[in-house]
């Protein structure tokens, strides 16, 4: 018997999304890598996003974790170490 109408459950995959809004030179910059997708920004901004995404992956690898397995607090700690501002982290700090 088929289970018509039911979709198979997909495993969730965590991913960093970087969005640069200051690109005014006409270039469309898109970079994808392990655990991240970066879109837009000036050459400087896009380069900065790339550097931080790579550093996050390096920190995770050193800890033997992935974006899928790291908890929120540890992720916020890593993001802070690499200089990556996070809206959720800022909101969490404001609540405390």
PDB file of N, CA and C in Angstrom:
ATOM      1  N   UNK A   1       0.836  -1.197   0.000  1.00  0.00           N
ATOM      2  CA  UNK A   1       0.000   0.000   0.000  1.00  0.00           C
ATOM      3  C   UNK A   1       0.872   1.248   0.000  1.00  0.00           C
ATOM      4  N   UNK A   2       0.488   2.186  -0.764  1.00  0.00           N
ATOM      5  CA  UNK A   2       1.245   3.437  -0.774  1.00  0.00           C
ATOM      6  C   UNK A   2       0.635   4.409   0.229  1.00  0.00           C
ATOM      7  N   UNK A   3       1.475   5.312   0.685  1.00  0.00           N
ATOM      8  CA  UNK A   3       1.009   6.322   1.628  1.00  0.00           C
ATOM      9  C   UNK A   3       0.886   7.636   0.876  1.00  0.00           C
ATOM     10  N   UNK A   4      -0.124   7.697   0.040  1.00  0.00           N
ATOM     11  CA  UNK A   4      -0.337   8.858  -0.805  1.00  0.00           C
ATOM     12  C   UNK A   4      -0.576  10.108   0.056  1.00  0.00           C
ATOM     13  N   UNK A   5       0.041  11.189  -0.352  1.00  0.00           N
ATOM     14  CA  UNK A   5      -0.175  12.452   0.350  1.00  0.00           C
ATOM     15  C   UNK A   5       0.816  12.698   1.472  1.00  0.00           C
ATOM     16  N   UNK A   6       1.569  11.666   1.850  1.00  0.00           N
ATOM     17  CA  UNK A   6       2.561  11.862   2.908  1.00  0.00           C
ATOM     18  C   UNK A   6       3.924  12.084   2.274  1.00  0.00           C
ATOM     19  N   UNK A   7       4.633  13.056   2.779  1.00  0.00           N
ATOM     20  CA  UNK A   7       5.973  13.316   2.266  1.00  0.00           C
ATOM     21  C   UNK A   7       6.987  12.711   3.235  1.00  0.00           C
ATOM     22  N   UNK A   8       8.077  12.211   2.716  1.00  0.00           N
ATOM     23  CA  UNK A   8       9.088  11.652   3.609  1.00  0.00           C
ATOM     24  C   UNK A   8       9.713  12.768   4.443  1.00  0.00           C
ATOM     25  N   UNK A   9      10.040  12.435   5.697  1.00  0.00           N
ATOM     26  CA  UNK A   9      10.660  13.431   6.564  1.00  0.00           C
ATOM     27  C   UNK A   9      12.094  13.648   6.123  1.00  0.00           C
ATOM     28  N   UNK A  10      12.445  14.910   6.002  1.00  0.00           N
ATOM     29  CA  UNK A  10      13.804  15.245   5.608  1.00  0.00           C
ATOM     30  C   UNK A  10      14.584  15.646   6.856  1.00  0.00           C
ATOM     31  N   UNK A  11      15.844  15.241   6.893  1.00  0.00           N
ATOM     32  CA  UNK A  11      16.695  15.625   8.005  1.00  0.00           C
ATOM     33  C   UNK A  11      17.007  17.120   7.892  1.00  0.00           C
ATOM     34  N   UNK A  12      16.884  17.823   8.984  1.00  0.00           N
ATOM     35  CA  UNK A  12      17.189  19.249   8.987  1.00  0.00           C
ATOM     36  C   UNK A  12      18.694  19.440   8.895  1.00  0.00           C
ATOM     37  N   UNK A  13      19.108  20.436   8.145  1.00  0.00           N
ATOM     38  CA  UNK A  13      20.515  20.751   7.971  1.00  0.00           C
ATOM     39  C   UNK A  13      20.715  22.219   8.329  1.00  0.00           C
ATOM     40  N   UNK A  14      21.567  22.465   9.307  1.00  0.00           N
ATOM     41  CA  UNK A  14      21.851  23.831   9.710  1.00  0.00           C
ATOM     42  C   UNK A  14      22.780  24.495   8.695  1.00  0.00           C
ATOM     43  N   UNK A  15      22.586  25.790   8.505  1.00  0.00           N
ATOM     44  CA  UNK A  15      23.384  26.521   7.525  1.00  0.00           C
ATOM     45  C   UNK A  15      23.479  27.988   7.948  1.00  0.00           C
ATOM     46  N   UNK A  16      24.665  28.559   7.822  1.00  0.00           N
ATOM     47  CA  UNK A  16      24.831  29.991   8.042  1.00  0.00           C
ATOM     48  C   UNK A  16      24.416  30.710   6.771  1.00  0.00           C
ATOM     49  N   UNK A  17      23.677  31.782   6.924  1.00  0.00           N
ATOM     50  CA  UNK A  17      23.291  32.595   5.778  1.00  0.00           C
ATOM     51  C   UNK A  17      23.816  34.008   6.002  1.00  0.00           C
ATOM     52  N   UNK A  18      24.665  34.463   5.097  1.00  0.00           N
ATOM     53  CA  UNK A  18      25.204  35.812   5.174  1.00  0.00           C
ATOM     54  C   UNK A  18      24.605  36.647   4.060  1.00  0.00           C
ATOM     55  N   UNK A  19      24.118  37.809   4.413  1.00  0.00           N
ATOM     56  CA  UNK A  19      23.493  38.693   3.434  1.00  0.00           C
ATOM     57  C   UNK A  19      24.131  40.075   3.533  1.00  0.00           C
ATOM     58  N   UNK A  20      24.825  40.469   2.474  1.00  0.00           N
ATOM     59  CA  UNK A  20      25.461  41.783   2.419  1.00  0.00           C
ATOM     60  C   UNK A  20      24.579  42.735   1.642  1.00  0.00           C
ATOM     61  N   UNK A  21      24.324  43.889   2.212  1.00  0.00           N
ATOM     62  CA  UNK A  21      23.400  44.833   1.585  1.00  0.00           C
ATOM     63  C   UNK A  21      24.087  46.102   1.072  1.00  0.00           C
ATOM     64  N   UNK A  22      25.414  46.130   1.131  1.00  0.00           N
ATOM     65  CA  UNK A  22      26.109  47.360   0.756  1.00  0.00           C
ATOM     66  C   UNK A  22      26.783  47.296  -0.615  1.00  0.00           C
ATOM     67  N   UNK A  23      26.479  46.297  -1.426  1.00  0.00           N
ATOM     68  CA  UNK A  23      27.096  46.170  -2.744  1.00  0.00           C
ATOM     69  C   UNK A  23      26.466  47.115  -3.746  1.00  0.00           C
ATOM     70  N   UNK A  24      27.217  48.114  -4.156  1.00  0.00           N
ATOM     71  CA  UNK A  24      26.677  49.106  -5.089  1.00  0.00           C
ATOM     72  C   UNK A  24      27.510  49.185  -6.365  1.00  0.00           C
ATOM     73  N   UNK A  25      28.423  48.204  -6.550  1.00  0.00           N
ATOM     74  CA  UNK A  25      29.311  48.247  -7.709  1.00  0.00           C
ATOM     75  C   UNK A  25      28.814  47.428  -8.886  1.00  0.00           C
ATOM     76  N   UNK A  26      27.612  46.867  -8.798  1.00  0.00           N
ATOM     77  CA  UNK A  26      27.040  46.111  -9.900  1.00  0.00           C
ATOM     78  C   UNK A  26      27.422  44.643  -9.929  1.00  0.00           C
ATOM     79  N   UNK A  27      28.307  44.207  -9.053  1.00  0.00           N
ATOM     80  CA  UNK A  27      28.702  42.803  -9.002  1.00  0.00           C
ATOM     81  C   UNK A  27      27.720  42.016  -8.150  1.00  0.00           C
ATOM     82  N   UNK A  28      27.423  40.796  -8.597  1.00  0.00           N
ATOM     83  CA  UNK A  28      26.599  39.885  -7.802  1.00  0.00           C
ATOM     84  C   UNK A  28      27.539  38.858  -7.202  1.00  0.00           C
ATOM     85  N   UNK A  29      27.710  38.903  -5.898  1.00  0.00           N
ATOM     86  CA  UNK A  29      28.632  38.002  -5.218  1.00  0.00           C
ATOM     87  C   UNK A  29      27.844  36.911  -4.499  1.00  0.00           C
ATOM     88  N   UNK A  30      28.177  35.670  -4.805  1.00  0.00           N
ATOM     89  CA  UNK A  30      27.542  34.517  -4.161  1.00  0.00           C
ATOM     90  C   UNK A  30      28.640  33.513  -3.846  1.00  0.00           C
ATOM     91  N   UNK A  31      28.707  33.092  -2.608  1.00  0.00           N
ATOM     92  CA  UNK A  31      29.677  32.087  -2.198  1.00  0.00           C
ATOM     93  C   UNK A  31      28.959  31.034  -1.374  1.00  0.00           C
ATOM     94  N   UNK A  32      29.203  29.780  -1.713  1.00  0.00           N
ATOM     95  CA  UNK A  32      28.672  28.690  -0.899  1.00  0.00           C
ATOM     96  C   UNK A  32      29.836  27.828  -0.449  1.00  0.00           C
ATOM     97  N   UNK A  33      29.700  27.270   0.717  1.00  0.00           N
ATOM     98  CA  UNK A  33      30.734  26.416   1.275  1.00  0.00           C
ATOM     99  C   UNK A  33      30.110  25.459   2.269  1.00  0.00           C
ATOM    100  N   UNK A  34      30.975  24.750   2.966  1.00  0.00           N
ATOM    101  CA  UNK A  34      30.482  23.812   3.963  1.00  0.00           C
ATOM    102  C   UNK A  34      29.732  24.583   5.039  1.00  0.00           C
ATOM    103  N   UNK A  35      28.459  24.357   5.160  1.00  0.00           N
ATOM    104  CA  UNK A  35      27.600  24.957   6.182  1.00  0.00           C
ATOM    105  C   UNK A  35      27.266  26.428   5.958  1.00  0.00           C
ATOM    106  N   UNK A  36      27.591  27.013   4.806  1.00  0.00           N
ATOM    107  CA  UNK A  36      27.251  28.434   4.663  1.00  0.00           C
ATOM    108  C   UNK A  36      26.910  28.812   3.225  1.00  0.00           C
ATOM    109  N   UNK A  37      26.109  29.878   3.132  1.00  0.00           N
ATOM    110  CA  UNK A  37      25.749  30.502   1.862  1.00  0.00           C
ATOM    111  C   UNK A  37      25.829  32.008   2.094  1.00  0.00           C
ATOM    112  N   UNK A  38      26.568  32.690   1.230  1.00  0.00           N
ATOM    113  CA  UNK A  38      26.770  34.132   1.359  1.00  0.00           C
ATOM    114  C   UNK A  38      26.325  34.808   0.072  1.00  0.00           C
ATOM    115  N   UNK A  39      25.558  35.887   0.226  1.00  0.00           N
ATOM    116  CA  UNK A  39      25.005  36.576  -0.943  1.00  0.00           C
ATOM    117  C   UNK A  39      25.182  38.077  -0.758  1.00  0.00           C
ATOM    118  N   UNK A  40      25.676  38.717  -1.813  1.00  0.00           N
ATOM    119  CA  UNK A  40      25.707  40.171  -1.864  1.00  0.00           C
ATOM    120  C   UNK A  40      26.855  40.797  -1.114  1.00  0.00           C
ATOM    121  N   UNK A  41      26.748  42.089  -0.978  1.00  0.00           N
ATOM    122  CA  UNK A  41      27.734  42.875  -0.271  1.00  0.00           C
ATOM    123  C   UNK A  41      28.811  43.426  -1.193  1.00  0.00           C
ATOM    124  N   UNK A  42      29.499  44.417  -0.693  1.00  0.00           N
ATOM    125  CA  UNK A  42      30.650  44.967  -1.403  1.00  0.00           C
ATOM    126  C   UNK A  42      31.764  43.918  -1.375  1.00  0.00           C
ATOM    127  N   UNK A  43      32.826  44.158  -2.120  1.00  0.00           N
ATOM    128  CA  UNK A  43      33.952  43.218  -2.112  1.00  0.00           C
ATOM    129  C   UNK A  43      34.482  43.037  -0.689  1.00  0.00           C
ATOM    130  N   UNK A  44      34.601  44.121   0.049  1.00  0.00           N
ATOM    131  CA  UNK A  44      35.107  44.074   1.430  1.00  0.00           C
ATOM    132  C   UNK A  44      34.148  43.311   2.345  1.00  0.00           C
ATOM    133  N   UNK A  45      32.866  43.624   2.268  1.00  0.00           N
ATOM    134  CA  UNK A  45      31.873  42.965   3.123  1.00  0.00           C
ATOM    135  C   UNK A  45      31.786  41.477   2.816  1.00  0.00           C
ATOM    136  N   UNK A  46      31.758  41.132   1.538  1.00  0.00           N
ATOM    137  CA  UNK A  46      31.647  39.727   1.154  1.00  0.00           C
ATOM    138  C   UNK A  46      32.891  38.955   1.618  1.00  0.00           C
ATOM    139  N   UNK A  47      34.048  39.566   1.469  1.00  0.00           N
ATOM    140  CA  UNK A  47      35.282  38.935   1.937  1.00  0.00           C
ATOM    141  C   UNK A  47      35.272  38.714   3.439  1.00  0.00           C
ATOM    142  N   UNK A  48      34.753  39.677   4.171  1.00  0.00           N
ATOM    143  CA  UNK A  48      34.642  39.561   5.626  1.00  0.00           C
ATOM    144  C   UNK A  48      33.691  38.428   6.010  1.00  0.00           C
ATOM    145  N   UNK A  49      32.562  38.325   5.300  1.00  0.00           N
ATOM    146  CA  UNK A  49      31.615  37.232   5.578  1.00  0.00           C
ATOM    147  C   UNK A  49      32.270  35.881   5.303  1.00  0.00           C
ATOM    148  N   UNK A  50      33.044  35.796   4.210  1.00  0.00           N
ATOM    149  CA  UNK A  50      33.726  34.543   3.878  1.00  0.00           C
ATOM    150  C   UNK A  50      34.698  34.143   4.982  1.00  0.00           C
ATOM    151  N   UNK A  51      35.485  35.102   5.408  1.00  0.00           N
ATOM    152  CA  UNK A  51      36.482  34.842   6.451  1.00  0.00           C
ATOM    153  C   UNK A  51      35.820  34.341   7.735  1.00  0.00           C
ATOM    154  N   UNK A  52      34.746  34.971   8.138  1.00  0.00           N
ATOM    155  CA  UNK A  52      34.069  34.584   9.381  1.00  0.00           C
ATOM    156  C   UNK A  52      33.401  33.220   9.261  1.00  0.00           C
ATOM    157  N   UNK A  53      32.812  32.924   8.110  1.00  0.00           N
ATOM    158  CA  UNK A  53      32.174  31.621   7.913  1.00  0.00           C
ATOM    159  C   UNK A  53      33.215  30.507   7.979  1.00  0.00           C
ATOM    160  N   UNK A  54      34.363  30.724   7.366  1.00  0.00           N
ATOM    161  CA  UNK A  54      35.435  29.723   7.401  1.00  0.00           C
ATOM    162  C   UNK A  54      35.935  29.540   8.833  1.00  0.00           C
ATOM    163  N   UNK A  55      36.101  30.641   9.563  1.00  0.00           N
ATOM    164  CA  UNK A  55      36.575  30.556  10.948  1.00  0.00           C
ATOM    165  C   UNK A  55      35.572  29.814  11.833  1.00  0.00           C
ATOM    166  N   UNK A  56      34.287  30.039  11.621  1.00  0.00           N
ATOM    167  CA  UNK A  56      33.276  29.309  12.386  1.00  0.00           C
ATOM    168  C   UNK A  56      33.437  27.807  12.144  1.00  0.00           C
ATOM    169  N   UNK A  57      33.595  27.416  10.883  1.00  0.00           N
ATOM    170  CA  UNK A  57      33.788  26.007  10.558  1.00  0.00           C
ATOM    171  C   UNK A  57      35.057  25.453  11.202  1.00  0.00           C
ATOM    172  N   UNK A  58      36.127  26.251  11.259  1.00  0.00           N
ATOM    173  CA  UNK A  58      37.366  25.802  11.896  1.00  0.00           C
ATOM    174  C   UNK A  58      37.159  25.566  13.381  1.00  0.00           C
ATOM    175  N   UNK A  59      36.454  26.477  14.055  1.00  0.00           N
ATOM    176  CA  UNK A  59      36.170  26.321  15.481  1.00  0.00           C
ATOM    177  C   UNK A  59      35.325  25.072  15.729  1.00  0.00           C
ATOM    178  N   UNK A  60      34.316  24.880  14.900  1.00  0.00           N
ATOM    179  CA  UNK A  60      33.458  23.705  15.054  1.00  0.00           C
ATOM    180  C   UNK A  60      34.269  22.423  14.868  1.00  0.00           C
ATOM    181  N   UNK A  61      35.127  22.412  13.864  1.00  0.00           N
ATOM    182  CA  UNK A  61      35.935  21.218  13.587  1.00  0.00           C
ATOM    183  C   UNK A  61      36.853  20.900  14.759  1.00  0.00           C
ATOM    184  N   UNK A  62      37.482  21.941  15.336  1.00  0.00           N
ATOM    185  CA  UNK A  62      38.356  21.737  16.498  1.00  0.00           C
ATOM    186  C   UNK A  62      37.606  21.139  17.675  1.00  0.00           C
ATOM    187  N   UNK A  63      36.337  21.490  17.799  1.00  0.00           N
ATOM    188  CA  UNK A  63      35.513  20.985  18.909  1.00  0.00           C
ATOM    189  C   UNK A  63      34.847  19.656  18.571  1.00  0.00           C
ATOM    190  N   UNK A  64      35.031  19.192  17.340  1.00  0.00           N
ATOM    191  CA  UNK A  64      34.421  17.936  16.924  1.00  0.00           C
ATOM    192  C   UNK A  64      32.916  18.031  16.769  1.00  0.00           C
ATOM    193  N   UNK A  65      32.443  19.213  16.369  1.00  0.00           N
ATOM    194  CA  UNK A  65      31.004  19.455  16.242  1.00  0.00           C
ATOM    195  C   UNK A  65      30.676  19.973  14.851  1.00  0.00           C
ATOM    196  N   UNK A  66      29.392  20.023  14.564  1.00  0.00           N
ATOM    197  CA  UNK A  66      28.895  20.616  13.328  1.00  0.00           C
ATOM    198  C   UNK A  66      27.823  21.632  13.707  1.00  0.00           C
ATOM    199  N   UNK A  67      27.367  22.391  12.743  1.00  0.00           N
ATOM    200  CA  UNK A  67      26.261  23.319  13.027  1.00  0.00           C
ATOM    201  C   UNK A  67      25.023  22.561  13.494  1.00  0.00           C
ATOM    202  N   UNK A  68      24.876  21.321  13.030  1.00  0.00           N
ATOM    203  CA  UNK A  68      23.719  20.517  13.425  1.00  0.00           C
ATOM    204  C   UNK A  68      23.795  20.048  14.874  1.00  0.00           C
ATOM    205  N   UNK A  69      25.016  19.960  15.423  1.00  0.00           N
ATOM    206  CA  UNK A  69      25.161  19.382  16.761  1.00  0.00           C
ATOM    207  C   UNK A  69      25.529  20.388  17.841  1.00  0.00           C
ATOM    208  N   UNK A  70      25.953  21.575  17.468  1.00  0.00           N
ATOM    209  CA  UNK A  70      26.355  22.569  18.467  1.00  0.00           C
ATOM    210  C   UNK A  70      25.100  23.223  19.066  1.00  0.00           C
ATOM    211  N   UNK A  71      25.125  23.499  20.378  1.00  0.00           N
ATOM    212  CA  UNK A  71      23.961  24.158  20.983  1.00  0.00           C
ATOM    213  C   UNK A  71      24.060  25.678  20.817  1.00  0.00           C
ATOM    214  N   UNK A  72      22.961  26.357  21.115  1.00  0.00           N
ATOM    215  CA  UNK A  72      22.891  27.804  20.874  1.00  0.00           C
ATOM    216  C   UNK A  72      23.993  28.565  21.597  1.00  0.00           C
ATOM    217  N   UNK A  73      24.195  28.290  22.868  1.00  0.00           N
ATOM    218  CA  UNK A  73      25.179  29.044  23.646  1.00  0.00           C
ATOM    219  C   UNK A  73      26.590  28.867  23.098  1.00  0.00           C
ATOM    220  N   UNK A  74      26.934  27.639  22.728  1.00  0.00           N
ATOM    221  CA  UNK A  74      28.263  27.389  22.180  1.00  0.00           C
ATOM    222  C   UNK A  74      28.415  28.072  20.820  1.00  0.00           C
ATOM    223  N   UNK A  75      27.356  28.069  20.026  1.00  0.00           N
ATOM    224  CA  UNK A  75      27.410  28.757  18.736  1.00  0.00           C
ATOM    225  C   UNK A  75      27.588  30.257  18.940  1.00  0.00           C
ATOM    226  N   UNK A  76      26.846  30.834  19.901  1.00  0.00           N
ATOM    227  CA  UNK A  76      26.996  32.265  20.178  1.00  0.00           C
ATOM    228  C   UNK A  76      28.423  32.584  20.616  1.00  0.00           C
ATOM    229  N   UNK A  77      29.017  31.694  21.408  1.00  0.00           N
ATOM    230  CA  UNK A  77      30.388  31.884  21.872  1.00  0.00           C
ATOM    231  C   UNK A  77      31.359  31.887  20.682  1.00  0.00           C
ATOM    232  N   UNK A  78      31.201  30.927  19.779  1.00  0.00           N
ATOM    233  CA  UNK A  78      32.064  30.852  18.597  1.00  0.00           C
ATOM    234  C   UNK A  78      31.871  32.089  17.721  1.00  0.00           C
ATOM    235  N   UNK A  79      30.632  32.466  17.486  1.00  0.00           N
ATOM    236  CA  UNK A  79      30.342  33.640  16.662  1.00  0.00           C
ATOM    237  C   UNK A  79      30.978  34.889  17.256  1.00  0.00           C
ATOM    238  N   UNK A  80      30.927  35.014  18.576  1.00  0.00           N
ATOM    239  CA  UNK A  80      31.525  36.157  19.247  1.00  0.00           C
ATOM    240  C   UNK A  80      33.045  36.165  19.052  1.00  0.00           C
ATOM    241  N   UNK A  81      33.658  34.978  19.144  1.00  0.00           N
ATOM    242  CA  UNK A  81      35.113  34.871  18.982  1.00  0.00           C
ATOM    243  C   UNK A  81      35.569  35.286  17.588  1.00  0.00           C
ATOM    244  N   UNK A  82      34.783  34.998  16.576  1.00  0.00           N
ATOM    245  CA  UNK A  82      35.185  35.342  15.205  1.00  0.00           C
ATOM    246  C   UNK A  82      34.683  36.727  14.792  1.00  0.00           C
ATOM    247  N   UNK A  83      33.972  37.415  15.684  1.00  0.00           N
ATOM    248  CA  UNK A  83      33.495  38.769  15.385  1.00  0.00           C
ATOM    249  C   UNK A  83      32.278  38.810  14.504  1.00  0.00           C
ATOM    250  N   UNK A  84      31.423  37.773  14.630  1.00  0.00           N
ATOM    251  CA  UNK A  84      30.222  37.695  13.808  1.00  0.00           C
ATOM    252  C   UNK A  84      29.010  38.169  14.622  1.00  0.00           C
ATOM    253  N   UNK A  85      28.414  39.293  14.245  1.00  0.00           N
ATOM    254  CA  UNK A  85      27.226  39.751  14.964  1.00  0.00           C
ATOM    255  C   UNK A  85      26.020  38.877  14.625  1.00  0.00           C
ATOM    256  N   UNK A  86      25.256  38.506  15.640  1.00  0.00           N
ATOM    257  CA  UNK A  86      24.064  37.687  15.446  1.00  0.00           C
ATOM    258  C   UNK A  86      22.860  38.408  16.027  1.00  0.00           C
ATOM    259  N   UNK A  87      21.798  38.488  15.258  1.00  0.00           N
ATOM    260  CA  UNK A  87      20.589  39.143  15.759  1.00  0.00           C
ATOM    261  C   UNK A  87      20.020  38.405  16.961  1.00  0.00           C
ATOM    262  N   UNK A  88      19.940  37.083  16.906  1.00  0.00           N
ATOM    263  CA  UNK A  88      19.384  36.312  18.021  1.00  0.00           C
ATOM    264  C   UNK A  88      20.212  36.494  19.288  1.00  0.00           C
ATOM    265  N   UNK A  89      21.536  36.512  19.167  1.00  0.00           N
ATOM    266  CA  UNK A  89      22.398  36.690  20.330  1.00  0.00           C
ATOM    267  C   UNK A  89      22.181  38.077  20.929  1.00  0.00           C
ATOM    268  N   UNK A  90      22.033  39.077  20.070  1.00  0.00           N
ATOM    269  CA  UNK A  90      21.803  40.425  20.572  1.00  0.00           C
ATOM    270  C   UNK A  90      20.466  40.502  21.301  1.00  0.00           C
ATOM    271  N   UNK A  91      19.447  39.853  20.757  1.00  0.00           N
ATOM    272  CA  UNK A  91      18.137  39.850  21.412  1.00  0.00           C
ATOM    273  C   UNK A  91      18.190  39.105  22.734  1.00  0.00           C
ATOM    274  N   UNK A  92      18.941  38.004  22.787  1.00  0.00           N
ATOM    275  CA  UNK A  92      19.061  37.226  24.025  1.00  0.00           C
ATOM    276  C   UNK A  92      19.740  38.056  25.098  1.00  0.00           C
ATOM    277  N   UNK A  93      20.767  38.808  24.722  1.00  0.00           N
ATOM    278  CA  UNK A  93      21.464  39.665  25.695  1.00  0.00           C
ATOM    279  C   UNK A  93      20.550  40.763  26.211  1.00  0.00           C
ATOM    280  N   UNK A  94      19.709  41.292  25.334  1.00  0.00           N
ATOM    281  CA  UNK A  94      18.796  42.363  25.736  1.00  0.00           C
ATOM    282  C   UNK A  94      17.752  41.848  26.724  1.00  0.00           C
ATOM    283  N   UNK A  95      17.345  40.579  26.577  1.00  0.00           N
ATOM    284  CA  UNK A  95      16.343  39.994  27.476  1.00  0.00           C
ATOM    285  C   UNK A  95      16.906  39.737  28.857  1.00  0.00           C
ATOM    286  N   UNK A  96      18.213  39.474  28.946  1.00  0.00           N
ATOM    287  CA  UNK A  96      18.824  39.127  30.251  1.00  0.00           C
ATOM    288  C   UNK A  96      19.262  40.318  31.011  1.00  0.00           C
TER     289      UNK A  96
END
